[in-house]
C-alpha atoms as a PDB file:
ATOM      1  CA  UNK A   1     -19.032   0.665  -4.558  1.00  0.00           C
ATOM      2  CA  UNK A   2     -19.741   2.366  -1.246  1.00  0.00           C
ATOM      3  CA  UNK A   3     -20.090   6.020  -0.301  1.00  0.00           C
ATOM      4  CA  UNK A   4     -18.050   8.607  -2.231  1.00  0.00           C
ATOM      5  CA  UNK A   5     -17.292  12.272  -1.580  1.00  0.00           C
ATOM      6  CA  UNK A   6     -15.655  14.528  -4.168  1.00  0.00           C
ATOM      7  CA  UNK A   7     -14.212  17.822  -2.939  1.00  0.00           C
ATOM      8  CA  UNK A   8     -16.215  17.573   0.263  1.00  0.00           C
ATOM      9  CA  UNK A   9     -19.598  16.728  -1.249  1.00  0.00           C
ATOM     10  CA  UNK A  10     -21.425  13.446  -1.913  1.00  0.00           C
ATOM     11  CA  UNK A  11     -20.903  12.534  -5.571  1.00  0.00           C
ATOM     12  CA  UNK A  12     -20.838   9.683  -8.038  1.00  0.00           C
ATOM     13  CA  UNK A  13     -18.617  11.150 -10.773  1.00  0.00           C
ATOM     14  CA  UNK A  14     -15.693  13.475 -11.521  1.00  0.00           C
ATOM     15  CA  UNK A  15     -15.098  15.928 -14.353  1.00  0.00           C
ATOM     16  CA  UNK A  16     -13.988  14.102 -17.516  1.00  0.00           C
ATOM     17  CA  UNK A  17     -11.199  16.663 -17.912  1.00  0.00           C
ATOM     18  CA  UNK A  18      -9.733  15.822 -14.517  1.00  0.00           C
ATOM     19  CA  UNK A  19      -6.023  15.104 -14.955  1.00  0.00           C
ATOM     20  CA  UNK A  20      -6.295  12.064 -12.727  1.00  0.00           C
ATOM     21  CA  UNK A  21      -8.672  10.462 -15.236  1.00  0.00           C
ATOM     22  CA  UNK A  22      -6.863  11.809 -18.297  1.00  0.00           C
ATOM     23  CA  UNK A  23      -3.241  11.139 -17.329  1.00  0.00           C
ATOM     24  CA  UNK A  24      -3.040   9.344 -13.995  1.00  0.00           C
ATOM     25  CA  UNK A  25      -1.814  12.656 -12.578  1.00  0.00           C
ATOM     26  CA  UNK A  26      -2.372  12.131  -8.884  1.00  0.00           C
ATOM     27  CA  UNK A  27      -1.705  10.084  -5.765  1.00  0.00           C
ATOM     28  CA  UNK A  28      -3.743   7.902  -3.448  1.00  0.00           C
ATOM     29  CA  UNK A  29      -3.693   5.974  -0.204  1.00  0.00           C
ATOM     30  CA  UNK A  30      -5.900   3.165   1.093  1.00  0.00           C
ATOM     31  CA  UNK A  31      -6.452   2.069   4.687  1.00  0.00           C
ATOM     32  CA  UNK A  32      -8.693   0.028   6.947  1.00  0.00           C
ATOM     33  CA  UNK A  33     -11.684   1.183   8.969  1.00  0.00           C
ATOM     34  CA  UNK A  34     -11.828  -1.135  11.987  1.00  0.00           C
ATOM     35  CA  UNK A  35     -14.292  -0.818  14.865  1.00  0.00           C
ATOM     36  CA  UNK A  36     -15.080   2.663  13.606  1.00  0.00           C
ATOM     37  CA  UNK A  37     -11.420   3.763  13.662  1.00  0.00           C
ATOM     38  CA  UNK A  38      -9.444   4.676  10.499  1.00  0.00           C
ATOM     39  CA  UNK A  39      -6.251   2.776  11.260  1.00  0.00           C
ATOM     40  CA  UNK A  40      -2.912   4.617  11.037  1.00  0.00           C
ATOM     41  CA  UNK A  41      -4.725   7.644   9.617  1.00  0.00           C
ATOM     42  CA  UNK A  42      -1.979  10.139  10.471  1.00  0.00           C
ATOM     43  CA  UNK A  43       0.659   8.099   8.670  1.00  0.00           C
ATOM     44  CA  UNK A  44      -1.538   7.944   5.575  1.00  0.00           C
ATOM     45  CA  UNK A  45      -2.122  11.699   5.631  1.00  0.00           C
ATOM     46  CA  UNK A  46       1.619  12.281   5.963  1.00  0.00           C
ATOM     47  CA  UNK A  47       2.242  10.008   2.973  1.00  0.00           C
ATOM     48  CA  UNK A  48      -0.315  11.895   0.866  1.00  0.00           C
ATOM     49  CA  UNK A  49       1.321  15.203   1.773  1.00  0.00           C
ATOM     50  CA  UNK A  50       4.777  13.873   0.919  1.00  0.00           C
ATOM     51  CA  UNK A  51       3.729  12.302  -2.387  1.00  0.00           C
ATOM     52  CA  UNK A  52       1.821  15.416  -3.458  1.00  0.00           C
ATOM     53  CA  UNK A  53       4.923  17.455  -2.713  1.00  0.00           C
ATOM     54  CA  UNK A  54       7.097  15.233  -4.885  1.00  0.00           C
ATOM     55  CA  UNK A  55       4.687  15.671  -7.814  1.00  0.00           C
ATOM     56  CA  UNK A  56       4.253  19.420  -7.152  1.00  0.00           C
ATOM     57  CA  UNK A  57       0.533  18.970  -6.521  1.00  0.00           C
ATOM     58  CA  UNK A  58      -0.671  21.491  -3.912  1.00  0.00           C
ATOM     59  CA  UNK A  59      -1.355  19.349  -0.832  1.00  0.00           C
ATOM     60  CA  UNK A  60      -4.791  19.327   0.745  1.00  0.00           C
ATOM     61  CA  UNK A  61      -4.648  20.315   4.420  1.00  0.00           C
ATOM     62  CA  UNK A  62      -4.627  17.304   6.713  1.00  0.00           C
ATOM     63  CA  UNK A  63      -7.318  18.878   8.903  1.00  0.00           C
ATOM     64  CA  UNK A  64      -9.668  18.996   5.908  1.00  0.00           C
ATOM     65  CA  UNK A  65      -8.940  15.373   5.027  1.00  0.00           C
ATOM     66  CA  UNK A  66      -9.558  14.277   8.631  1.00  0.00           C
ATOM     67  CA  UNK A  67     -12.968  15.948   8.612  1.00  0.00           C
ATOM     68  CA  UNK A  68     -13.844  14.383   5.281  1.00  0.00           C
ATOM     69  CA  UNK A  69     -12.805  10.943   6.484  1.00  0.00           C
ATOM     70  CA  UNK A  70     -14.994  11.297   9.564  1.00  0.00           C
ATOM     71  CA  UNK A  71     -17.874  12.515   7.404  1.00  0.00           C
ATOM     72  CA  UNK A  72     -17.688   9.501   5.117  1.00  0.00           C
ATOM     73  CA  UNK A  73     -17.254   7.039   7.980  1.00  0.00           C
ATOM     74  CA  UNK A  74     -20.391   8.167   9.814  1.00  0.00           C
ATOM     75  CA  UNK A  75     -21.660   5.250  11.898  1.00  0.00           C
ATOM     76  CA  UNK A  76     -19.872   2.567   9.880  1.00  0.00           C
ATOM     77  CA  UNK A  77     -17.576   0.264  11.832  1.00  0.00           C
ATOM     78  CA  UNK A  78     -15.759  -1.762   9.168  1.00  0.00           C
ATOM     79  CA  UNK A  79     -14.581  -1.010   5.647  1.00  0.00           C
ATOM     80  CA  UNK A  80     -11.816   0.261   3.400  1.00  0.00           C
ATOM     81  CA  UNK A  81     -11.189   3.985   2.910  1.00  0.00           C
ATOM     82  CA  UNK A  82      -9.456   5.292  -0.195  1.00  0.00           C
ATOM     83  CA  UNK A  83      -8.284   8.880  -0.630  1.00  0.00           C
ATOM     84  CA  UNK A  84      -7.254  10.127  -4.075  1.00  0.00           C
ATOM     85  CA  UNK A  85      -5.812  13.562  -4.793  1.00  0.00           C
ATOM     86  CA  UNK A  86      -5.349  14.625  -8.416  1.00  0.00           C
ATOM     87  CA  UNK A  87      -3.972  17.782  -9.992  1.00  0.00           C
ATOM     88  CA  UNK A  88      -7.558  18.694 -10.818  1.00  0.00           C
ATOM     89  CA  UNK A  89      -9.237  19.744 -14.041  1.00  0.00           C
ATOM     90  CA  UNK A  90      -7.036  20.875 -16.920  1.00  0.00           C
ATOM     91  CA  UNK A  91      -7.194  21.290 -20.662  1.00  0.00           C
ATOM     92  CA  UNK A  92      -5.981  18.841 -23.279  1.00  0.00           C
ATOM     93  CA  UNK A  93      -2.226  18.169 -23.234  1.00  0.00           C
ATOM     94  CA  UNK A  94       0.388  17.346 -20.657  1.00  0.00           C
ATOM     95  CA  UNK A  95       1.296  20.899 -19.721  1.00  0.00           C
ATOM     96  CA  UNK A  96       0.452  21.623 -16.101  1.00  0.00           C
ATOM     97  CA  UNK A  97      -2.183  24.365 -15.653  1.00  0.00           C
ATOM     98  CA  UNK A  98      -0.965  27.693 -14.294  1.00  0.00           C
ATOM     99  CA  UNK A  99      -3.608  27.510 -11.569  1.00  0.00           C
ATOM    100  CA  UNK A 100      -3.980  24.101  -9.937  1.00  0.00           C
ATOM    101  CA  UNK A 101      -7.088  23.228  -7.937  1.00  0.00           C
ATOM    102  CA  UNK A 102      -6.655  19.647  -6.731  1.00  0.00           C
ATOM    103  CA  UNK A 103      -9.531  17.191  -6.820  1.00  0.00           C
ATOM    104  CA  UNK A 104     -10.038  15.104  -3.690  1.00  0.00           C
ATOM    105  CA  UNK A 105     -11.996  11.860  -3.869  1.00  0.00           C
ATOM    106  CA  UNK A 106     -12.686   9.900  -0.692  1.00  0.00           C
ATOM    107  CA  UNK A 107     -14.505   6.568  -0.931  1.00  0.00           C
ATOM    108  CA  UNK A 108     -15.680   4.055   1.653  1.00  0.00           C
ATOM    109  CA  UNK A 109     -15.810   0.472   0.397  1.00  0.00           C
ATOM    110  CA  UNK A 110     -17.022  -2.737   2.065  1.00  0.00           C
ATOM    111  CA  UNK A 111     -14.390  -4.697   4.015  1.00  0.00           C
ATOM    112  CA  UNK A 112     -12.450  -7.317   2.047  1.00  0.00           C
ATOM    113  CA  UNK A 113     -13.302 -10.992   2.331  1.00  0.00           C
ATOM    114  CA  UNK A 114      -9.837 -12.512   2.659  1.00  0.00           C
ATOM    115  CA  UNK A 115      -9.564 -15.983   4.231  1.00  0.00           C
ATOM    116  CA  UNK A 116      -9.086 -15.868   8.003  1.00  0.00           C
ATOM    117  CA  UNK A 117      -6.165 -18.291   7.885  1.00  0.00           C
ATOM    118  CA  UNK A 118      -3.931 -16.064   5.759  1.00  0.00           C
ATOM    119  CA  UNK A 119      -2.417 -14.069   8.679  1.00  0.00           C
ATOM    120  CA  UNK A 120      -1.860 -17.251  10.685  1.00  0.00           C
ATOM    121  CA  UNK A 121      -0.941 -19.999   8.221  1.00  0.00           C
ATOM    122  CA  UNK A 122       0.452 -17.804   5.456  1.00  0.00           C
ATOM    123  CA  UNK A 123      -0.120 -17.581   1.707  1.00  0.00           C
ATOM    124  CA  UNK A 124       1.177 -19.003  -1.536  1.00  0.00           C
ATOM    125  CA  UNK A 125       2.848 -16.531  -3.905  1.00  0.00           C
ATOM    126  CA  UNK A 126       4.289 -16.621  -7.410  1.00  0.00           C
ATOM    127  CA  UNK A 127       6.777 -14.620  -9.461  1.00  0.00           C
ATOM    128  CA  UNK A 128       5.282 -12.227 -12.008  1.00  0.00           C
ATOM    129  CA  UNK A 129       6.583 -12.003 -15.553  1.00  0.00           C
ATOM    130  CA  UNK A 130       5.694  -8.299 -15.760  1.00  0.00           C
ATOM    131  CA  UNK A 131       8.729  -6.269 -14.709  1.00  0.00           C
ATOM    132  CA  UNK A 132       8.773  -2.886 -13.020  1.00  0.00           C
ATOM    133  CA  UNK A 133      10.405  -0.041 -14.903  1.00  0.00           C
ATOM    134  CA  UNK A 134      13.237   1.757 -13.122  1.00  0.00           C
ATOM    135  CA  UNK A 135      12.416   5.428 -12.583  1.00  0.00           C
ATOM    136  CA  UNK A 136      13.899   7.124  -9.495  1.00  0.00           C
ATOM    137  CA  UNK A 137      11.746  10.233 -10.073  1.00  0.00           C
ATOM    138  CA  UNK A 138       8.603   8.256  -9.229  1.00  0.00           C
ATOM    139  CA  UNK A 139      10.159   5.678  -6.900  1.00  0.00           C
ATOM    140  CA  UNK A 140       8.274   5.287  -3.635  1.00  0.00           C
ATOM    141  CA  UNK A 141       5.263   7.353  -4.692  1.00  0.00           C
ATOM    142  CA  UNK A 142       1.819   5.766  -4.632  1.00  0.00           C
ATOM    143  CA  UNK A 143       0.661   7.516  -7.798  1.00  0.00           C
ATOM    144  CA  UNK A 144      -2.614   6.545  -9.432  1.00  0.00           C
ATOM    145  CA  UNK A 145      -1.073   4.985 -12.547  1.00  0.00           C
ATOM    146  CA  UNK A 146      -0.900   1.289 -11.577  1.00  0.00           C
ATOM    147  CA  UNK A 147      -0.719  -0.319 -15.028  1.00  0.00           C
ATOM    148  CA  UNK A 148       2.328  -2.431 -14.171  1.00  0.00           C
ATOM    149  CA  UNK A 149       0.475  -3.910 -11.215  1.00  0.00           C
ATOM    150  CA  UNK A 150      -2.682  -4.437 -13.281  1.00  0.00           C
ATOM    151  CA  UNK A 151      -0.742  -6.373 -15.905  1.00  0.00           C
ATOM    152  CA  UNK A 152       1.079  -8.402 -13.269  1.00  0.00           C
ATOM    153  CA  UNK A 153      -2.122  -9.320 -11.429  1.00  0.00           C
ATOM    154  CA  UNK A 154      -3.743 -10.410 -14.694  1.00  0.00           C
ATOM    155  CA  UNK A 155      -1.126 -13.143 -15.075  1.00  0.00           C
ATOM    156  CA  UNK A 156      -2.945 -15.615 -12.842  1.00  0.00           C
ATOM    157  CA  UNK A 157      -6.499 -16.548 -11.851  1.00  0.00           C
ATOM    158  CA  UNK A 158      -5.733 -19.417  -9.476  1.00  0.00           C
ATOM    159  CA  UNK A 159      -7.372 -18.544  -6.147  1.00  0.00           C
ATOM    160  CA  UNK A 160      -4.731 -20.577  -4.318  1.00  0.00           C
ATOM    161  CA  UNK A 161      -2.174 -17.885  -5.211  1.00  0.00           C
ATOM    162  CA  UNK A 162      -2.782 -14.841  -3.011  1.00  0.00           C
ATOM    163  CA  UNK A 163      -0.055 -12.525  -4.286  1.00  0.00           C
ATOM    164  CA  UNK A 164       2.566 -12.098  -7.005  1.00  0.00           C
ATOM    165  CA  UNK A 165       6.122 -10.900  -6.436  1.00  0.00           C
ATOM    166  CA  UNK A 166       7.460  -8.299  -8.856  1.00  0.00           C
ATOM    167  CA  UNK A 167      11.040  -7.753 -10.015  1.00  0.00           C
ATOM    168  CA  UNK A 168      12.509  -4.773 -11.827  1.00  0.00           C
ATOM    169  CA  UNK A 169      14.129  -4.976 -15.264  1.00  0.00           C
ATOM    170  CA  UNK A 170      17.460  -5.865 -13.672  1.00  0.00           C
ATOM    171  CA  UNK A 171      15.984  -8.820 -11.782  1.00  0.00           C
ATOM    172  CA  UNK A 172      15.897  -7.161  -8.363  1.00  0.00           C
ATOM    173  CA  UNK A 173      13.005  -8.009  -6.048  1.00  0.00           C
ATOM    174  CA  UNK A 174      10.904  -4.875  -5.462  1.00  0.00           C
ATOM    175  CA  UNK A 175       7.430  -5.619  -4.100  1.00  0.00           C
ATOM    176  CA  UNK A 176       4.217  -7.566  -4.518  1.00  0.00           C
ATOM    177  CA  UNK A 177       1.439  -6.484  -6.859  1.00  0.00           C
ATOM    178  CA  UNK A 178      -0.385  -4.979  -3.861  1.00  0.00           C
ATOM    179  CA  UNK A 179       2.143  -5.268  -1.060  1.00  0.00           C
ATOM    180  CA  UNK A 180       5.632  -4.694   0.239  1.00  0.00           C
ATOM    181  CA  UNK A 181       7.909  -7.672   0.831  1.00  0.00           C
ATOM    182  CA  UNK A 182      10.071  -8.631   3.811  1.00  0.00           C
ATOM    183  CA  UNK A 183      12.533 -11.487   4.228  1.00  0.00           C
ATOM    184  CA  UNK A 184      14.196 -12.804   7.368  1.00  0.00           C
ATOM    185  CA  UNK A 185      17.669 -14.336   7.291  1.00  0.00           C
ATOM    186  CA  UNK A 186      19.601 -15.320  10.426  1.00  0.00           C
ATOM    187  CA  UNK A 187      17.163 -13.256  12.510  1.00  0.00           C
ATOM    188  CA  UNK A 188      17.734 -10.085  10.468  1.00  0.00           C
ATOM    189  CA  UNK A 189      14.868  -8.356   8.684  1.00  0.00           C
ATOM    190  CA  UNK A 190      15.467  -7.496   5.017  1.00  0.00           C
ATOM    191  CA  UNK A 191      13.271  -5.467   2.687  1.00  0.00           C
ATOM    192  CA  UNK A 192      13.897  -4.152  -0.843  1.00  0.00           C
ATOM    193  CA  UNK A 193      15.376  -0.701  -1.213  1.00  0.00           C
ATOM    194  CA  UNK A 194      12.813   1.460  -3.018  1.00  0.00           C
ATOM    195  CA  UNK A 195      14.975   4.205  -4.471  1.00  0.00           C
ATOM    196  CA  UNK A 196      14.485   3.151  -8.122  1.00  0.00           C
ATOM    197  CA  UNK A 197      10.876   1.929  -8.272  1.00  0.00           C
ATOM    198  CA  UNK A 198       8.129   0.505  -6.096  1.00  0.00           C
ATOM    199  CA  UNK A 199       5.775   1.961  -3.506  1.00  0.00           C
ATOM    200  CA  UNK A 200       6.820   2.937   0.028  1.00  0.00           C
ATOM    201  CA  UNK A 201       3.781   1.520   1.797  1.00  0.00           C
ATOM    202  CA  UNK A 202       2.535   2.927   5.082  1.00  0.00           C
ATOM    203  CA  UNK A 203       2.474  -0.532   6.679  1.00  0.00           C
ATOM    204  CA  UNK A 204       6.050  -1.062   5.519  1.00  0.00           C
ATOM    205  CA  UNK A 205       7.085   2.113   7.342  1.00  0.00           C
ATOM    206  CA  UNK A 206       5.045   1.169  10.416  1.00  0.00           C
ATOM    207  CA  UNK A 207       6.725  -2.236  10.685  1.00  0.00           C
ATOM    208  CA  UNK A 208      10.219  -0.857  10.106  1.00  0.00           C
ATOM    209  CA  UNK A 209       9.607   1.534  13.008  1.00  0.00           C
ATOM    210  CA  UNK A 210       8.292  -1.383  15.060  1.00  0.00           C
ATOM    211  CA  UNK A 211      11.435  -3.375  14.287  1.00  0.00           C
ATOM    212  CA  UNK A 212      13.482  -0.627  15.949  1.00  0.00           C
ATOM    213  CA  UNK A 213      11.343  -0.644  19.094  1.00  0.00           C
ATOM    214  CA  UNK A 214      11.390  -4.456  19.193  1.00  0.00           C
ATOM    215  CA  UNK A 215      15.163  -4.590  18.938  1.00  0.00           C
ATOM    216  CA  UNK A 216      15.158  -6.252  15.520  1.00  0.00           C
ATOM    217  CA  UNK A 217      18.003  -5.413  13.166  1.00  0.00           C
ATOM    218  CA  UNK A 218      17.010  -4.686   9.580  1.00  0.00           C
ATOM    219  CA  UNK A 219      18.364  -3.609   6.209  1.00  0.00           C
ATOM    220  CA  UNK A 220      16.815  -1.924   3.189  1.00  0.00           C
ATOM    221  CA  UNK A 221      18.866  -3.452   0.404  1.00  0.00           C
ATOM    222  CA  UNK A 222      18.956  -4.961  -3.078  1.00  0.00           C
ATOM    223  CA  UNK A 223      17.374  -8.427  -3.065  1.00  0.00           C
ATOM    224  CA  UNK A 224      16.990 -11.122  -5.707  1.00  0.00           C
ATOM    225  CA  UNK A 225      15.036 -14.330  -6.231  1.00  0.00           C
ATOM    226  CA  UNK A 226      17.895 -16.283  -4.666  1.00  0.00           C
ATOM    227  CA  UNK A 227      17.458 -14.246  -1.478  1.00  0.00           C
ATOM    228  CA  UNK A 228      13.828 -15.361  -1.286  1.00  0.00           C
ATOM    229  CA  UNK A 229      14.753 -18.972  -1.887  1.00  0.00           C
ATOM    230  CA  UNK A 230      17.377 -18.831   0.871  1.00  0.00           C
ATOM    231  CA  UNK A 231      15.257 -16.894   3.366  1.00  0.00           C
ATOM    232  CA  UNK A 232      14.341 -18.345   6.749  1.00  0.00           C
ATOM    233  CA  UNK A 233      11.007 -16.484   6.725  1.00  0.00           C
ATOM    234  CA  UNK A 234       9.157 -14.072   4.469  1.00  0.00           C
ATOM    235  CA  UNK A 235       5.990 -12.004   4.600  1.00  0.00           C
ATOM    236  CA  UNK A 236       4.090  -9.312   2.728  1.00  0.00           C
ATOM    237  CA  UNK A 237       2.346  -6.240   4.114  1.00  0.00           C
ATOM    238  CA  UNK A 238      -0.096  -3.516   3.244  1.00  0.00           C
ATOM    239  CA  UNK A 239      -2.568  -1.394   5.158  1.00  0.00           C
ATOM    240  CA  UNK A 240      -5.547  -3.606   4.315  1.00  0.00           C
ATOM    241  CA  UNK A 241      -4.121  -7.081   4.866  1.00  0.00           C
ATOM    242  CA  UNK A 242      -1.764  -6.082   7.668  1.00  0.00           C
ATOM    243  CA  UNK A 243       0.848  -8.841   7.606  1.00  0.00           C
ATOM    244  CA  UNK A 244       0.586 -12.131   5.729  1.00  0.00           C
ATOM    245  CA  UNK A 245       3.372 -14.711   6.114  1.00  0.00           C
ATOM    246  CA  UNK A 246       4.597 -16.303   2.886  1.00  0.00           C
ATOM    247  CA  UNK A 247       4.200 -20.058   3.314  1.00  0.00           C
ATOM    248  CA  UNK A 248       5.313 -21.006  -0.175  1.00  0.00           C
ATOM    249  CA  UNK A 249       6.873 -19.548  -3.323  1.00  0.00           C
ATOM    250  CA  UNK A 250       6.159 -21.616  -6.430  1.00  0.00           C
ATOM    251  CA  UNK A 251       6.492 -24.900  -4.575  1.00  0.00           C
ATOM    252  CA  UNK A 252       9.231 -23.878  -2.112  1.00  0.00           C
ATOM    253  CA  UNK A 253       8.036 -24.142   1.505  1.00  0.00           C
ATOM    254  CA  UNK A 254       8.749 -21.343   3.989  1.00  0.00           C
ATOM    255  CA  UNK A 255       7.914 -21.585   7.692  1.00  0.00           C
ATOM    256  CA  UNK A 256       5.984 -18.963   9.651  1.00  0.00           C
ATOM    257  CA  UNK A 257       8.940 -18.112  11.863  1.00  0.00           C
ATOM    258  CA  UNK A 258       9.560 -16.233  15.128  1.00  0.00           C
ATOM    259  CA  UNK A 259      10.307 -12.804  13.605  1.00  0.00           C
ATOM    260  CA  UNK A 260       7.123 -12.907  11.519  1.00  0.00           C
ATOM    261  CA  UNK A 261       5.066 -13.975  14.546  1.00  0.00           C
ATOM    262  CA  UNK A 262       6.631 -11.275  16.728  1.00  0.00           C
ATOM    263  CA  UNK A 263       5.829  -8.493  14.276  1.00  0.00           C
ATOM    264  CA  UNK A 264       2.320  -9.826  13.670  1.00  0.00           C
ATOM    265  CA  UNK A 265       1.685  -9.836  17.423  1.00  0.00           C
ATOM    266  CA  UNK A 266       3.031  -6.292  17.721  1.00  0.00           C
ATOM    267  CA  UNK A 267       0.784  -5.140  14.867  1.00  0.00           C
ATOM    268  CA  UNK A 268      -2.302  -6.737  16.411  1.00  0.00           C
ATOM    269  CA  UNK A 269      -1.552  -4.980  19.701  1.00  0.00           C
ATOM    270  CA  UNK A 270      -1.005  -1.635  17.943  1.00  0.00           C
ATOM    271  CA  UNK A 271      -4.366  -1.963  16.185  1.00  0.00           C
ATOM    272  CA  UNK A 272      -6.073  -2.872  19.445  1.00  0.00           C
ATOM    273  CA  UNK A 273      -4.574   0.180  21.151  1.00  0.00           C
ATOM    274  CA  UNK A 274      -5.866   2.460  18.384  1.00  0.00           C
ATOM    275  CA  UNK A 275      -9.405   1.103  18.624  1.00  0.00           C
ATOM    276  CA  UNK A 276      -9.428   1.329  22.436  1.00  0.00           C
ATOM    277  CA  UNK A 277      -8.071   4.878  22.413  1.00  0.00           C
ATOM    278  CA  UNK A 278     -11.026   6.066  20.327  1.00  0.00           C
END
């Protein structure tokens, strides 16, 4: 593990009574440090503020988080930054404390070692047997209880499979274990509607905004396995991997098509602009 700061100070532990540790009572976001620049930082801070609001956790001021991110980055050029905000220390039991003092944990980790060909040639994915529970109250939030994803990712150990696709209990496609999913059919971009479960990823939002500027039509809608199997293109996204085309789903070949390439090119240019602007 790399450098860690807890509530603005270097640390290696949190209070055992912290509600994040006890109950998963908190939110987090993870993003890339590239050429010394925390990529899409403002979007991640906005997501933290929104998710804290939905859980009634007092949000930490964005200005404070920016300073803490810069403090932990220091002279490092590459890595992964993770920000966690919990409801803070509380007594035993689920009841929320009258006074809430959130705990903020910011960690800098080494950069991931994903194969260089993934963004170009695409990845192989599988369907997960673990299903996502439907719960509109938590839908979209990146809360720190990720047990469904942990169980889903434990289903395979084959290094040739880079990601698993997750369905809800009604058989609707929702997301990957660590990513959001996009399909392309007849030139139209499709992505699962996340009003019942799943995580609204920052990169998902970034690329949906890019689709508007690039003149690409898109829908957030209910999707099934048959939609994947009949797609012209497909890809997964998150803030660490960026965009990975899906080249195959359990033996079914998918091409890396023009919409995927267009959005990948746009994303690469957006990242380059951020690093040059710094």
